[in-house]
C-alpha atoms as a PDB file:
ATOM      1  CA  UNK A   1      20.904   9.531-199.509  1.00  0.00           C
ATOM      2  CA  UNK A   2      18.871   6.455-200.076  1.00  0.00           C
ATOM      3  CA  UNK A   3      19.657   4.799-203.387  1.00  0.00           C
ATOM      4  CA  UNK A   4      16.736   3.559-205.366  1.00  0.00           C
ATOM      5  CA  UNK A   5      17.692   0.041-206.432  1.00  0.00           C
ATOM      6  CA  UNK A   6      14.294  -0.640-208.042  1.00  0.00           C
ATOM      7  CA  UNK A   7      13.448   1.863-210.843  1.00  0.00           C
ATOM      8  CA  UNK A   8       9.960   0.265-211.260  1.00  0.00           C
ATOM      9  CA  UNK A   9       7.194   2.566-209.853  1.00  0.00           C
ATOM     10  CA  UNK A  10       3.638   1.085-209.629  1.00  0.00           C
ATOM     11  CA  UNK A  11       1.149   3.802-208.777  1.00  0.00           C
ATOM     12  CA  UNK A  12      -1.017   2.792-205.768  1.00  0.00           C
ATOM     13  CA  UNK A  13      -4.130   4.026-207.676  1.00  0.00           C
ATOM     14  CA  UNK A  14      -3.799   0.892-209.892  1.00  0.00           C
ATOM     15  CA  UNK A  15      -4.498  -1.299-206.968  1.00  0.00           C
ATOM     16  CA  UNK A  16      -7.022   0.525-204.786  1.00  0.00           C
ATOM     17  CA  UNK A  17      -7.182   0.084-201.029  1.00  0.00           C
ATOM     18  CA  UNK A  18      -8.463  -3.543-200.745  1.00  0.00           C
ATOM     19  CA  UNK A  19      -6.007  -4.955-203.358  1.00  0.00           C
ATOM     20  CA  UNK A  20      -3.213  -2.971-201.810  1.00  0.00           C
ATOM     21  CA  UNK A  21      -3.960  -4.537-198.365  1.00  0.00           C
ATOM     22  CA  UNK A  22      -4.136  -7.964-200.056  1.00  0.00           C
ATOM     23  CA  UNK A  23      -0.837  -7.402-201.881  1.00  0.00           C
ATOM     24  CA  UNK A  24       0.901  -6.217-198.798  1.00  0.00           C
ATOM     25  CA  UNK A  25      -0.384  -8.765-196.248  1.00  0.00           C
ATOM     26  CA  UNK A  26      -1.073 -12.082-198.117  1.00  0.00           C
ATOM     27  CA  UNK A  27       2.225 -13.557-197.040  1.00  0.00           C
ATOM     28  CA  UNK A  28       1.592 -13.177-193.311  1.00  0.00           C
ATOM     29  CA  UNK A  29       1.232 -16.581-191.772  1.00  0.00           C
ATOM     30  CA  UNK A  30      -0.477 -17.465-188.491  1.00  0.00           C
ATOM     31  CA  UNK A  31       1.934 -18.926-185.888  1.00  0.00           C
ATOM     32  CA  UNK A  32       0.203 -18.228-182.508  1.00  0.00           C
ATOM     33  CA  UNK A  33      -2.381 -20.551-181.080  1.00  0.00           C
ATOM     34  CA  UNK A  34      -4.210 -17.621-179.640  1.00  0.00           C
ATOM     35  CA  UNK A  35      -4.917 -16.088-183.191  1.00  0.00           C
ATOM     36  CA  UNK A  36      -8.352 -17.394-184.106  1.00  0.00           C
ATOM     37  CA  UNK A  37      -8.911 -15.014-186.906  1.00  0.00           C
ATOM     38  CA  UNK A  38      -6.313 -12.546-188.439  1.00  0.00           C
ATOM     39  CA  UNK A  39      -6.376 -10.228-191.389  1.00  0.00           C
ATOM     40  CA  UNK A  40      -9.497 -10.376-193.599  1.00  0.00           C
ATOM     41  CA  UNK A  41     -12.463  -9.787-191.302  1.00  0.00           C
ATOM     42  CA  UNK A  42     -13.779  -6.700-189.430  1.00  0.00           C
ATOM     43  CA  UNK A  43     -11.536  -7.454-186.427  1.00  0.00           C
ATOM     44  CA  UNK A  44      -8.994 -10.067-185.295  1.00  0.00           C
ATOM     45  CA  UNK A  45     -10.188 -12.801-182.924  1.00  0.00           C
ATOM     46  CA  UNK A  46      -7.890 -13.729-180.148  1.00  0.00           C
ATOM     47  CA  UNK A  47      -8.381 -16.368-177.528  1.00  0.00           C
ATOM     48  CA  UNK A  48      -6.366 -15.840-174.315  1.00  0.00           C
ATOM     49  CA  UNK A  49      -8.297 -18.112-171.906  1.00  0.00           C
ATOM     50  CA  UNK A  50      -7.086 -17.415-168.368  1.00  0.00           C
ATOM     51  CA  UNK A  51      -4.364 -14.953-169.421  1.00  0.00           C
ATOM     52  CA  UNK A  52      -4.304 -11.177-169.232  1.00  0.00           C
ATOM     53  CA  UNK A  53      -4.400  -9.320-172.539  1.00  0.00           C
ATOM     54  CA  UNK A  54      -1.966  -6.501-172.866  1.00  0.00           C
ATOM     55  CA  UNK A  55      -2.562  -3.769-175.607  1.00  0.00           C
ATOM     56  CA  UNK A  56      -0.403  -0.789-176.561  1.00  0.00           C
ATOM     57  CA  UNK A  57      -0.503   1.640-179.603  1.00  0.00           C
ATOM     58  CA  UNK A  58       2.170   3.934-181.040  1.00  0.00           C
ATOM     59  CA  UNK A  59       2.151   6.509-183.899  1.00  0.00           C
ATOM     60  CA  UNK A  60       5.159   7.425-186.111  1.00  0.00           C
ATOM     61  CA  UNK A  61       4.746  10.549-188.204  1.00  0.00           C
ATOM     62  CA  UNK A  62       7.057  11.611-190.907  1.00  0.00           C
ATOM     63  CA  UNK A  63       8.840  14.852-190.104  1.00  0.00           C
ATOM     64  CA  UNK A  64       8.186  14.302-186.387  1.00  0.00           C
ATOM     65  CA  UNK A  65       9.477  10.859-185.558  1.00  0.00           C
ATOM     66  CA  UNK A  66      11.570  10.025-188.573  1.00  0.00           C
ATOM     67  CA  UNK A  67      13.220  11.569-191.528  1.00  0.00           C
ATOM     68  CA  UNK A  68      13.266   9.567-194.854  1.00  0.00           C
ATOM     69  CA  UNK A  69      16.406  11.268-196.100  1.00  0.00           C
ATOM     70  CA  UNK A  70      18.353   8.928-193.923  1.00  0.00           C
ATOM     71  CA  UNK A  71      15.953   6.349-192.606  1.00  0.00           C
ATOM     72  CA  UNK A  72      15.495   3.432-195.065  1.00  0.00           C
ATOM     73  CA  UNK A  73      11.863   2.330-195.353  1.00  0.00           C
ATOM     74  CA  UNK A  74      12.822  -1.268-194.381  1.00  0.00           C
ATOM     75  CA  UNK A  75      14.447  -0.119-191.192  1.00  0.00           C
ATOM     76  CA  UNK A  76      11.440   2.115-190.567  1.00  0.00           C
ATOM     77  CA  UNK A  77       9.089  -0.742-190.879  1.00  0.00           C
ATOM     78  CA  UNK A  78      11.165  -2.816-188.381  1.00  0.00           C
ATOM     79  CA  UNK A  79      11.374   0.011-185.921  1.00  0.00           C
ATOM     80  CA  UNK A  80       7.635   0.671-186.054  1.00  0.00           C
ATOM     81  CA  UNK A  81       7.029  -2.838-184.675  1.00  0.00           C
ATOM     82  CA  UNK A  82       9.832  -2.732-182.187  1.00  0.00           C
ATOM     83  CA  UNK A  83       8.834   0.418-180.423  1.00  0.00           C
ATOM     84  CA  UNK A  84       5.268  -1.075-179.828  1.00  0.00           C
ATOM     85  CA  UNK A  85       6.532  -4.419-178.599  1.00  0.00           C
ATOM     86  CA  UNK A  86       8.800  -2.689-176.120  1.00  0.00           C
ATOM     87  CA  UNK A  87       5.744  -1.369-174.287  1.00  0.00           C
ATOM     88  CA  UNK A  88       4.470  -4.915-174.094  1.00  0.00           C
ATOM     89  CA  UNK A  89       7.645  -6.211-172.696  1.00  0.00           C
ATOM     90  CA  UNK A  90       7.691  -3.374-170.146  1.00  0.00           C
ATOM     91  CA  UNK A  91       4.590  -5.004-168.635  1.00  0.00           C
ATOM     92  CA  UNK A  92       6.470  -8.246-168.121  1.00  0.00           C
ATOM     93  CA  UNK A  93       4.166  -9.685-170.892  1.00  0.00           C
ATOM     94  CA  UNK A  94       4.969 -11.468-174.195  1.00  0.00           C
ATOM     95  CA  UNK A  95       3.852  -9.849-177.369  1.00  0.00           C
ATOM     96  CA  UNK A  96       1.636 -12.144-179.717  1.00  0.00           C
ATOM     97  CA  UNK A  97      -0.006  -9.869-182.346  1.00  0.00           C
ATOM     98  CA  UNK A  98       0.147  -6.515-183.935  1.00  0.00           C
ATOM     99  CA  UNK A  99      -2.001  -4.546-186.294  1.00  0.00           C
ATOM    100  CA  UNK A 100      -0.455  -1.991-188.658  1.00  0.00           C
ATOM    101  CA  UNK A 101      -2.145   1.075-190.145  1.00  0.00           C
ATOM    102  CA  UNK A 102      -0.620   3.506-192.551  1.00  0.00           C
ATOM    103  CA  UNK A 103      -1.588   6.892-194.066  1.00  0.00           C
ATOM    104  CA  UNK A 104       0.435   7.480-197.301  1.00  0.00           C
ATOM    105  CA  UNK A 105       0.744  10.390-199.712  1.00  0.00           C
ATOM    106  CA  UNK A 106       0.828   9.769-203.545  1.00  0.00           C
ATOM    107  CA  UNK A 107       4.596  10.409-203.721  1.00  0.00           C
ATOM    108  CA  UNK A 108       5.062   6.694-202.527  1.00  0.00           C
ATOM    109  CA  UNK A 109       4.889   4.095-205.128  1.00  0.00           C
ATOM    110  CA  UNK A 110       3.982   0.555-204.448  1.00  0.00           C
ATOM    111  CA  UNK A 111       7.607  -0.517-204.224  1.00  0.00           C
ATOM    112  CA  UNK A 112       8.254   1.879-201.384  1.00  0.00           C
ATOM    113  CA  UNK A 113       5.597   0.376-199.428  1.00  0.00           C
ATOM    114  CA  UNK A 114       6.820  -3.130-200.191  1.00  0.00           C
ATOM    115  CA  UNK A 115      10.133  -2.014-198.601  1.00  0.00           C
ATOM    116  CA  UNK A 116       8.302  -0.761-195.441  1.00  0.00           C
ATOM    117  CA  UNK A 117       6.391  -3.980-195.142  1.00  0.00           C
ATOM    118  CA  UNK A 118       9.498  -6.035-195.645  1.00  0.00           C
ATOM    119  CA  UNK A 119      10.771  -4.387-192.466  1.00  0.00           C
ATOM    120  CA  UNK A 120       7.426  -5.112-190.727  1.00  0.00           C
ATOM    121  CA  UNK A 121       7.685  -8.716-191.787  1.00  0.00           C
ATOM    122  CA  UNK A 122      11.255  -9.114-190.543  1.00  0.00           C
ATOM    123  CA  UNK A 123      10.402  -7.745-187.145  1.00  0.00           C
ATOM    124  CA  UNK A 124       7.197  -9.872-186.865  1.00  0.00           C
ATOM    125  CA  UNK A 125       9.191 -12.969-187.593  1.00  0.00           C
ATOM    126  CA  UNK A 126      12.131 -12.150-185.334  1.00  0.00           C
ATOM    127  CA  UNK A 127       9.840 -11.396-182.314  1.00  0.00           C
ATOM    128  CA  UNK A 128       7.304 -14.151-183.230  1.00  0.00           C
ATOM    129  CA  UNK A 129       4.167 -11.954-183.486  1.00  0.00           C
ATOM    130  CA  UNK A 130       1.262 -12.220-185.949  1.00  0.00           C
ATOM    131  CA  UNK A 131       0.261  -9.357-188.050  1.00  0.00           C
ATOM    132  CA  UNK A 132      -3.480  -9.633-187.848  1.00  0.00           C
ATOM    133  CA  UNK A 133      -5.015  -6.433-189.223  1.00  0.00           C
ATOM    134  CA  UNK A 134      -4.824  -2.703-189.804  1.00  0.00           C
ATOM    135  CA  UNK A 135      -5.925   0.102-192.039  1.00  0.00           C
ATOM    136  CA  UNK A 136      -4.720   2.197-195.017  1.00  0.00           C
ATOM    137  CA  UNK A 137      -5.757   5.684-196.026  1.00  0.00           C
ATOM    138  CA  UNK A 138      -4.282   8.704-197.900  1.00  0.00           C
ATOM    139  CA  UNK A 139      -2.279  11.488-196.387  1.00  0.00           C
ATOM    140  CA  UNK A 140      -1.545  14.997-197.327  1.00  0.00           C
ATOM    141  CA  UNK A 141       1.521  15.243-195.136  1.00  0.00           C
ATOM    142  CA  UNK A 142       3.660  12.386-195.928  1.00  0.00           C
ATOM    143  CA  UNK A 143       3.768   8.901-194.255  1.00  0.00           C
ATOM    144  CA  UNK A 144       2.046   8.128-190.951  1.00  0.00           C
ATOM    145  CA  UNK A 145       2.396   4.622-189.309  1.00  0.00           C
ATOM    146  CA  UNK A 146       0.300   3.381-186.389  1.00  0.00           C
ATOM    147  CA  UNK A 147       0.848   0.074-184.840  1.00  0.00           C
ATOM    148  CA  UNK A 148      -1.065  -1.539-182.122  1.00  0.00           C
ATOM    149  CA  UNK A 149       0.603  -4.426-180.191  1.00  0.00           C
ATOM    150  CA  UNK A 150      -1.093  -7.118-178.323  1.00  0.00           C
ATOM    151  CA  UNK A 151       0.377  -9.467-175.648  1.00  0.00           C
ATOM    152  CA  UNK A 152      -0.467 -11.839-172.934  1.00  0.00           C
ATOM    153  CA  UNK A 153       0.753 -12.329-169.420  1.00  0.00           C
ATOM    154  CA  UNK A 154      -0.263 -14.817-166.672  1.00  0.00           C
ATOM    155  CA  UNK A 155      -2.626 -13.299-164.045  1.00  0.00           C
ATOM    156  CA  UNK A 156      -0.481 -11.948-161.249  1.00  0.00           C
ATOM    157  CA  UNK A 157       2.725 -11.790-163.230  1.00  0.00           C
ATOM    158  CA  UNK A 158       2.059  -8.346-164.955  1.00  0.00           C
ATOM    159  CA  UNK A 159       4.362  -5.460-163.727  1.00  0.00           C
ATOM    160  CA  UNK A 160       2.931  -1.963-163.562  1.00  0.00           C
ATOM    161  CA  UNK A 161       4.624   1.332-163.009  1.00  0.00           C
ATOM    162  CA  UNK A 162       3.054   1.622-159.665  1.00  0.00           C
ATOM    163  CA  UNK A 163       4.561  -1.067-157.530  1.00  0.00           C
ATOM    164  CA  UNK A 164       8.038   0.359-156.446  1.00  0.00           C
ATOM    165  CA  UNK A 165       8.733   0.507-152.656  1.00  0.00           C
ATOM    166  CA  UNK A 166      11.305   2.574-150.667  1.00  0.00           C
ATOM    167  CA  UNK A 167      14.668   0.627-150.675  1.00  0.00           C
ATOM    168  CA  UNK A 168      13.991  -1.117-153.955  1.00  0.00           C
ATOM    169  CA  UNK A 169      16.877  -1.155-156.382  1.00  0.00           C
ATOM    170  CA  UNK A 170      16.645   0.829-159.604  1.00  0.00           C
ATOM    171  CA  UNK A 171      17.944  -1.336-162.451  1.00  0.00           C
ATOM    172  CA  UNK A 172      18.554  -0.587-166.207  1.00  0.00           C
ATOM    173  CA  UNK A 173      19.125  -2.983-169.013  1.00  0.00           C
ATOM    174  CA  UNK A 174      21.737  -2.299-171.728  1.00  0.00           C
ATOM    175  CA  UNK A 175      23.333   0.992-172.100  1.00  0.00           C
ATOM    176  CA  UNK A 176      21.894   4.485-172.755  1.00  0.00           C
ATOM    177  CA  UNK A 177      22.200   7.494-175.041  1.00  0.00           C
ATOM    178  CA  UNK A 178      23.239   5.602-178.204  1.00  0.00           C
ATOM    179  CA  UNK A 179      20.033   6.301-180.232  1.00  0.00           C
ATOM    180  CA  UNK A 180      20.185  10.042-179.587  1.00  0.00           C
ATOM    181  CA  UNK A 181      23.939  10.258-180.456  1.00  0.00           C
ATOM    182  CA  UNK A 182      23.175   8.139-183.589  1.00  0.00           C
ATOM    183  CA  UNK A 183      20.488  10.775-184.566  1.00  0.00           C
ATOM    184  CA  UNK A 184      22.958  13.509-183.999  1.00  0.00           C
ATOM    185  CA  UNK A 185      25.458  11.959-186.561  1.00  0.00           C
ATOM    186  CA  UNK A 186      22.668  11.368-189.067  1.00  0.00           C
ATOM    187  CA  UNK A 187      21.426  14.898-188.783  1.00  0.00           C
ATOM    188  CA  UNK A 188      25.018  16.320-189.194  1.00  0.00           C
ATOM    189  CA  UNK A 189      25.662  14.139-192.227  1.00  0.00           C
ATOM    190  CA  UNK A 190      22.317  15.187-193.711  1.00  0.00           C
ATOM    191  CA  UNK A 191      23.465  18.895-193.524  1.00  0.00           C
ATOM    192  CA  UNK A 192      26.781  17.961-195.232  1.00  0.00           C
ATOM    193  CA  UNK A 193      24.868  16.125-197.856  1.00  0.00           C
ATOM    194  CA  UNK A 194      22.767  19.237-198.607  1.00  0.00           C
ATOM    195  CA  UNK A 195      25.819  21.207-199.285  1.00  0.00           C
ATOM    196  CA  UNK A 196      27.614  18.520-201.227  1.00  0.00           C
ATOM    197  CA  UNK A 197      25.425  15.866-202.651  1.00  0.00           C
ATOM    198  CA  UNK A 198      28.331  13.995-204.042  1.00  0.00           C
ATOM    199  CA  UNK A 199      29.918  13.490-200.558  1.00  0.00           C
ATOM    200  CA  UNK A 200      29.610   9.908-199.257  1.00  0.00           C
ATOM    201  CA  UNK A 201      29.992   9.974-195.401  1.00  0.00           C
ATOM    202  CA  UNK A 202      32.129   7.412-193.649  1.00  0.00           C
ATOM    203  CA  UNK A 203      29.873   6.153-190.866  1.00  0.00           C
ATOM    204  CA  UNK A 204      31.857   3.075-189.900  1.00  0.00           C
ATOM    205  CA  UNK A 205      33.017   4.566-186.628  1.00  0.00           C
ATOM    206  CA  UNK A 206      29.466   5.206-185.619  1.00  0.00           C
ATOM    207  CA  UNK A 207      27.913   1.802-186.553  1.00  0.00           C
ATOM    208  CA  UNK A 208      26.535   1.075-183.127  1.00  0.00           C
ATOM    209  CA  UNK A 209      24.934   4.319-182.342  1.00  0.00           C
ATOM    210  CA  UNK A 210      23.359   4.586-185.900  1.00  0.00           C
ATOM    211  CA  UNK A 211      21.934   1.127-185.522  1.00  0.00           C
ATOM    212  CA  UNK A 212      20.458   2.126-182.137  1.00  0.00           C
ATOM    213  CA  UNK A 213      18.641   4.880-183.905  1.00  0.00           C
ATOM    214  CA  UNK A 214      17.602   3.304-187.200  1.00  0.00           C
ATOM    215  CA  UNK A 215      17.074  -0.234-186.097  1.00  0.00           C
ATOM    216  CA  UNK A 216      16.593  -0.567-182.273  1.00  0.00           C
ATOM    217  CA  UNK A 217      15.729  -3.945-180.633  1.00  0.00           C
ATOM    218  CA  UNK A 218      12.968  -4.428-177.975  1.00  0.00           C
ATOM    219  CA  UNK A 219      14.170  -6.328-174.859  1.00  0.00           C
ATOM    220  CA  UNK A 220      12.102  -9.480-175.161  1.00  0.00           C
ATOM    221  CA  UNK A 221      15.109 -11.296-173.952  1.00  0.00           C
ATOM    222  CA  UNK A 222      14.906  -9.472-170.598  1.00  0.00           C
ATOM    223  CA  UNK A 223      11.376 -10.813-169.870  1.00  0.00           C
ATOM    224  CA  UNK A 224      12.723 -14.274-170.554  1.00  0.00           C
ATOM    225  CA  UNK A 225      15.693 -13.686-168.354  1.00  0.00           C
ATOM    226  CA  UNK A 226      13.778 -12.338-165.395  1.00  0.00           C
ATOM    227  CA  UNK A 227      11.628 -15.442-165.609  1.00  0.00           C
ATOM    228  CA  UNK A 228      14.721 -17.617-165.701  1.00  0.00           C
ATOM    229  CA  UNK A 229      16.244 -15.781-162.754  1.00  0.00           C
ATOM    230  CA  UNK A 230      12.920 -15.987-160.810  1.00  0.00           C
ATOM    231  CA  UNK A 231      12.854 -12.201-160.499  1.00  0.00           C
ATOM    232  CA  UNK A 232       9.734 -10.247-160.715  1.00  0.00           C
ATOM    233  CA  UNK A 233      10.359  -6.476-160.850  1.00  0.00           C
ATOM    234  CA  UNK A 234       8.152  -4.316-158.540  1.00  0.00           C
ATOM    235  CA  UNK A 235       7.765  -1.770-161.306  1.00  0.00           C
ATOM    236  CA  UNK A 236       8.971  -1.381-164.890  1.00  0.00           C
ATOM    237  CA  UNK A 237       8.834   1.008-167.832  1.00  0.00           C
ATOM    238  CA  UNK A 238      10.460   1.194-171.249  1.00  0.00           C
ATOM    239  CA  UNK A 239      12.997   3.963-171.940  1.00  0.00           C
ATOM    240  CA  UNK A 240      11.465   5.807-174.939  1.00  0.00           C
ATOM    241  CA  UNK A 241      11.767   9.393-173.600  1.00  0.00           C
ATOM    242  CA  UNK A 242      15.018   9.271-171.598  1.00  0.00           C
ATOM    243  CA  UNK A 243      15.517   7.822-168.119  1.00  0.00           C
ATOM    244  CA  UNK A 244      14.835  11.195-166.426  1.00  0.00           C
ATOM    245  CA  UNK A 245      11.264  11.093-167.737  1.00  0.00           C
ATOM    246  CA  UNK A 246      10.737   7.417-167.029  1.00  0.00           C
ATOM    247  CA  UNK A 247      12.155   7.486-163.600  1.00  0.00           C
ATOM    248  CA  UNK A 248       9.802  10.289-162.725  1.00  0.00           C
ATOM    249  CA  UNK A 249       6.810   8.174-164.106  1.00  0.00           C
ATOM    250  CA  UNK A 250       7.813   5.392-161.713  1.00  0.00           C
ATOM    251  CA  UNK A 251       8.289   7.616-158.723  1.00  0.00           C
ATOM    252  CA  UNK A 252       4.975   9.515-159.151  1.00  0.00           C
ATOM    253  CA  UNK A 253       2.941   6.418-159.835  1.00  0.00           C
ATOM    254  CA  UNK A 254       4.561   4.475-157.158  1.00  0.00           C
ATOM    255  CA  UNK A 255       4.708   7.408-154.664  1.00  0.00           C
ATOM    256  CA  UNK A 256       8.417   7.069-154.022  1.00  0.00           C
ATOM    257  CA  UNK A 257      11.464   9.148-154.362  1.00  0.00           C
ATOM    258  CA  UNK A 258      14.848   8.051-155.940  1.00  0.00           C
ATOM    259  CA  UNK A 259      18.678   8.471-155.652  1.00  0.00           C
ATOM    260  CA  UNK A 260      20.076   7.866-159.188  1.00  0.00           C
ATOM    261  CA  UNK A 261      23.912   7.597-159.279  1.00  0.00           C
ATOM    262  CA  UNK A 262      25.601   9.286-162.227  1.00  0.00           C
ATOM    263  CA  UNK A 263      28.653   7.021-161.932  1.00  0.00           C
ATOM    264  CA  UNK A 264      26.459   3.976-162.283  1.00  0.00           C
ATOM    265  CA  UNK A 265      24.838   4.900-165.696  1.00  0.00           C
ATOM    266  CA  UNK A 266      25.948   2.521-168.358  1.00  0.00           C
ATOM    267  CA  UNK A 267      27.438   4.127-171.455  1.00  0.00           C
ATOM    268  CA  UNK A 268      28.855   2.472-174.536  1.00  0.00           C
ATOM    269  CA  UNK A 269      32.409   3.780-175.412  1.00  0.00           C
ATOM    270  CA  UNK A 270      31.020   4.850-178.759  1.00  0.00           C
ATOM    271  CA  UNK A 271      28.467   7.057-177.010  1.00  0.00           C
ATOM    272  CA  UNK A 272      31.257   8.628-174.906  1.00  0.00           C
ATOM    273  CA  UNK A 273      33.545   9.276-177.785  1.00  0.00           C
ATOM    274  CA  UNK A 274      30.809  10.788-179.949  1.00  0.00           C
ATOM    275  CA  UNK A 275      29.625  13.011-177.067  1.00  0.00           C
ATOM    276  CA  UNK A 276      33.104  14.359-176.734  1.00  0.00           C
ATOM    277  CA  UNK A 277      33.272  15.025-180.551  1.00  0.00           C
ATOM    278  CA  UNK A 278      29.940  16.844-180.326  1.00  0.00           C
ATOM    279  CA  UNK A 279      30.963  18.582-176.986  1.00  0.00           C
ATOM    280  CA  UNK A 280      27.839  17.253-175.347  1.00  0.00           C
ATOM    281  CA  UNK A 281      27.716  15.954-171.746  1.00  0.00           C
ATOM    282  CA  UNK A 282      27.147  12.176-171.818  1.00  0.00           C
ATOM    283  CA  UNK A 283      25.079  12.065-168.522  1.00  0.00           C
ATOM    284  CA  UNK A 284      22.841  14.760-170.046  1.00  0.00           C
ATOM    285  CA  UNK A 285      22.332  12.532-173.124  1.00  0.00           C
ATOM    286  CA  UNK A 286      21.674   9.251-171.097  1.00  0.00           C
ATOM    287  CA  UNK A 287      19.092  11.106-169.008  1.00  0.00           C
ATOM    288  CA  UNK A 288      17.253  12.876-171.665  1.00  0.00           C
ATOM    289  CA  UNK A 289      18.134  11.323-175.061  1.00  0.00           C
ATOM    290  CA  UNK A 290      15.379   8.746-175.411  1.00  0.00           C
ATOM    291  CA  UNK A 291      14.580   6.026-178.005  1.00  0.00           C
ATOM    292  CA  UNK A 292      16.994   3.611-176.319  1.00  0.00           C
ATOM    293  CA  UNK A 293      13.995   1.105-175.701  1.00  0.00           C
ATOM    294  CA  UNK A 294      15.781  -0.386-172.769  1.00  0.00           C
ATOM    295  CA  UNK A 295      13.795  -1.418-169.694  1.00  0.00           C
ATOM    296  CA  UNK A 296      14.007   0.598-166.407  1.00  0.00           C
ATOM    297  CA  UNK A 297      12.774  -1.339-163.407  1.00  0.00           C
ATOM    298  CA  UNK A 298      12.871  -1.644-159.725  1.00  0.00           C
ATOM    299  CA  UNK A 299      13.445  -4.845-157.931  1.00  0.00           C
ATOM    300  CA  UNK A 300      13.434  -5.912-154.266  1.00  0.00           C
ATOM    301  CA  UNK A 301      16.916  -5.933-152.558  1.00  0.00           C
ATOM    302  CA  UNK A 302      16.163  -9.536-151.696  1.00  0.00           C
ATOM    303  CA  UNK A 303      16.501 -10.254-155.420  1.00  0.00           C
ATOM    304  CA  UNK A 304      19.884  -8.564-155.862  1.00  0.00           C
ATOM    305  CA  UNK A 305      21.933 -11.707-155.472  1.00  0.00           C
ATOM    306  CA  UNK A 306      19.934 -13.248-158.496  1.00  0.00           C
ATOM    307  CA  UNK A 307      20.958 -10.367-160.823  1.00  0.00           C
ATOM    308  CA  UNK A 308      24.433  -9.559-159.368  1.00  0.00           C
ATOM    309  CA  UNK A 309      27.125  -9.619-162.115  1.00  0.00           C
ATOM    310  CA  UNK A 310      24.532 -10.225-164.964  1.00  0.00           C
ATOM    311  CA  UNK A 311      25.859  -8.237-167.935  1.00  0.00           C
ATOM    312  CA  UNK A 312      22.277  -7.328-169.069  1.00  0.00           C
ATOM    313  CA  UNK A 313      21.322  -5.525-165.803  1.00  0.00           C
ATOM    314  CA  UNK A 314      22.942  -2.619-164.108  1.00  0.00           C
ATOM    315  CA  UNK A 315      21.891  -1.229-160.603  1.00  0.00           C
ATOM    316  CA  UNK A 316      21.938   2.541-161.009  1.00  0.00           C
ATOM    317  CA  UNK A 317      20.247   3.739-157.854  1.00  0.00           C
ATOM    318  CA  UNK A 318      17.653   2.967-155.209  1.00  0.00           C
ATOM    319  CA  UNK A 319      14.090   4.224-154.317  1.00  0.00           C
ATOM    320  CA  UNK A 320      13.521   6.300-151.194  1.00  0.00           C
ATOM    321  CA  UNK A 321      10.543   7.716-149.210  1.00  0.00           C
ATOM    322  CA  UNK A 322       8.438  10.095-151.418  1.00  0.00           C
ATOM    323  CA  UNK A 323       9.200  13.131-149.335  1.00  0.00           C
ATOM    324  CA  UNK A 324      12.969  12.780-149.996  1.00  0.00           C
ATOM    325  CA  UNK A 325      12.394  13.616-153.613  1.00  0.00           C
ATOM    326  CA  UNK A 326      13.978  12.583-156.880  1.00  0.00           C
ATOM    327  CA  UNK A 327      17.673  13.103-157.205  1.00  0.00           C
ATOM    328  CA  UNK A 328      20.677  12.569-159.367  1.00  0.00           C
ATOM    329  CA  UNK A 329      23.809  11.963-157.286  1.00  0.00           C
ATOM    330  CA  UNK A 330      26.639  13.471-159.287  1.00  0.00           C
ATOM    331  CA  UNK A 331      30.334  12.360-159.484  1.00  0.00           C
ATOM    332  CA  UNK A 332      31.044  15.093-157.014  1.00  0.00           C
ATOM    333  CA  UNK A 333      28.554  13.446-154.615  1.00  0.00           C
ATOM    334  CA  UNK A 334      26.145  16.372-154.962  1.00  0.00           C
ATOM    335  CA  UNK A 335      22.437  15.879-155.284  1.00  0.00           C
ATOM    336  CA  UNK A 336      20.518  17.427-158.098  1.00  0.00           C
ATOM    337  CA  UNK A 337      16.783  17.359-158.581  1.00  0.00           C
ATOM    338  CA  UNK A 338      15.770  15.169-161.578  1.00  0.00           C
ATOM    339  CA  UNK A 339      13.674  17.125-164.104  1.00  0.00           C
ATOM    340  CA  UNK A 340      12.036  15.540-167.134  1.00  0.00           C
ATOM    341  CA  UNK A 341      13.673  17.035-170.141  1.00  0.00           C
ATOM    342  CA  UNK A 342      13.005  14.049-172.345  1.00  0.00           C
ATOM    343  CA  UNK A 343      11.813  14.376-175.931  1.00  0.00           C
ATOM    344  CA  UNK A 344       8.364  15.689-176.333  1.00  0.00           C
ATOM    345  CA  UNK A 345       6.578  14.783-179.589  1.00  0.00           C
ATOM    346  CA  UNK A 346       3.924  17.673-179.193  1.00  0.00           C
ATOM    347  CA  UNK A 347       6.573  20.323-179.007  1.00  0.00           C
ATOM    348  CA  UNK A 348       9.843  19.103-180.477  1.00  0.00           C
ATOM    349  CA  UNK A 349      10.714  18.432-184.052  1.00  0.00           C
ATOM    350  CA  UNK A 350      13.279  15.845-185.044  1.00  0.00           C
END
């Protein structure tokens, strides 16, 4: 489904590892004061002074995390950076550097990797992070991308998963379920394409949810907004595996319970209509879909007036004593125990 607009194919063997690294990374410019030494040495050198250093690593594996039959390489490069930066922002920190490592099979020419790195470059520029290193090697199983993100936060301003207290409000950014439903549309069109390769799908009515899947954004703006509102969450986590899994992480690490209200879960109209089309329950998708990369947090009730009415933040529940358990309060006002059914990379296949 991806049209090859560049017929030129340069075998990677013509360059070798070091020339390949140089070719793909020589345009990265240093913009952060904390970057003392970037690409070109055994390790990056970063000077954070009195600030806390935050580091997170994620792995994207072809056939598990992405399908190149409908994921453009440029989008994939962008997404690889974004999913890592999301973890940094979930700590109430600002991302400053990333390292990018790839394992690639010989079916990929140089031009394919240029596309991948064009997406990486775009994300690095948009989020103002420096690409300071990485590694390349061969692969017998397609493309593998590993990104390590580094960030900084003033001492005392970091937000962990373990700080929630009973009566804290449970707050979510943005809306949920879009990335999963975008994936469902893409998978359906892939099957149609297999049957009829000449068929060109009209995806115009699914633009928002497909973008949520192929080109998500990390919520750097929320970290900035919270600072502006003078609100420090008591706990926070990014929504990569569905809010059922994430709220359980918060509850277990904070030793609290939760009442999460089904009627409060924010859903985009395109998610609702696509769920109806696929005959899937939208609440189930919001709870278990994953890959939304929104931020799920708890805040003190004292801070509620500061966020009230803000379109970026929705209160969806509140934390309770641990012995009261973790529950979804349904539209019928029934309590159902929350069970983690989010995506598991070690068992599920996309």
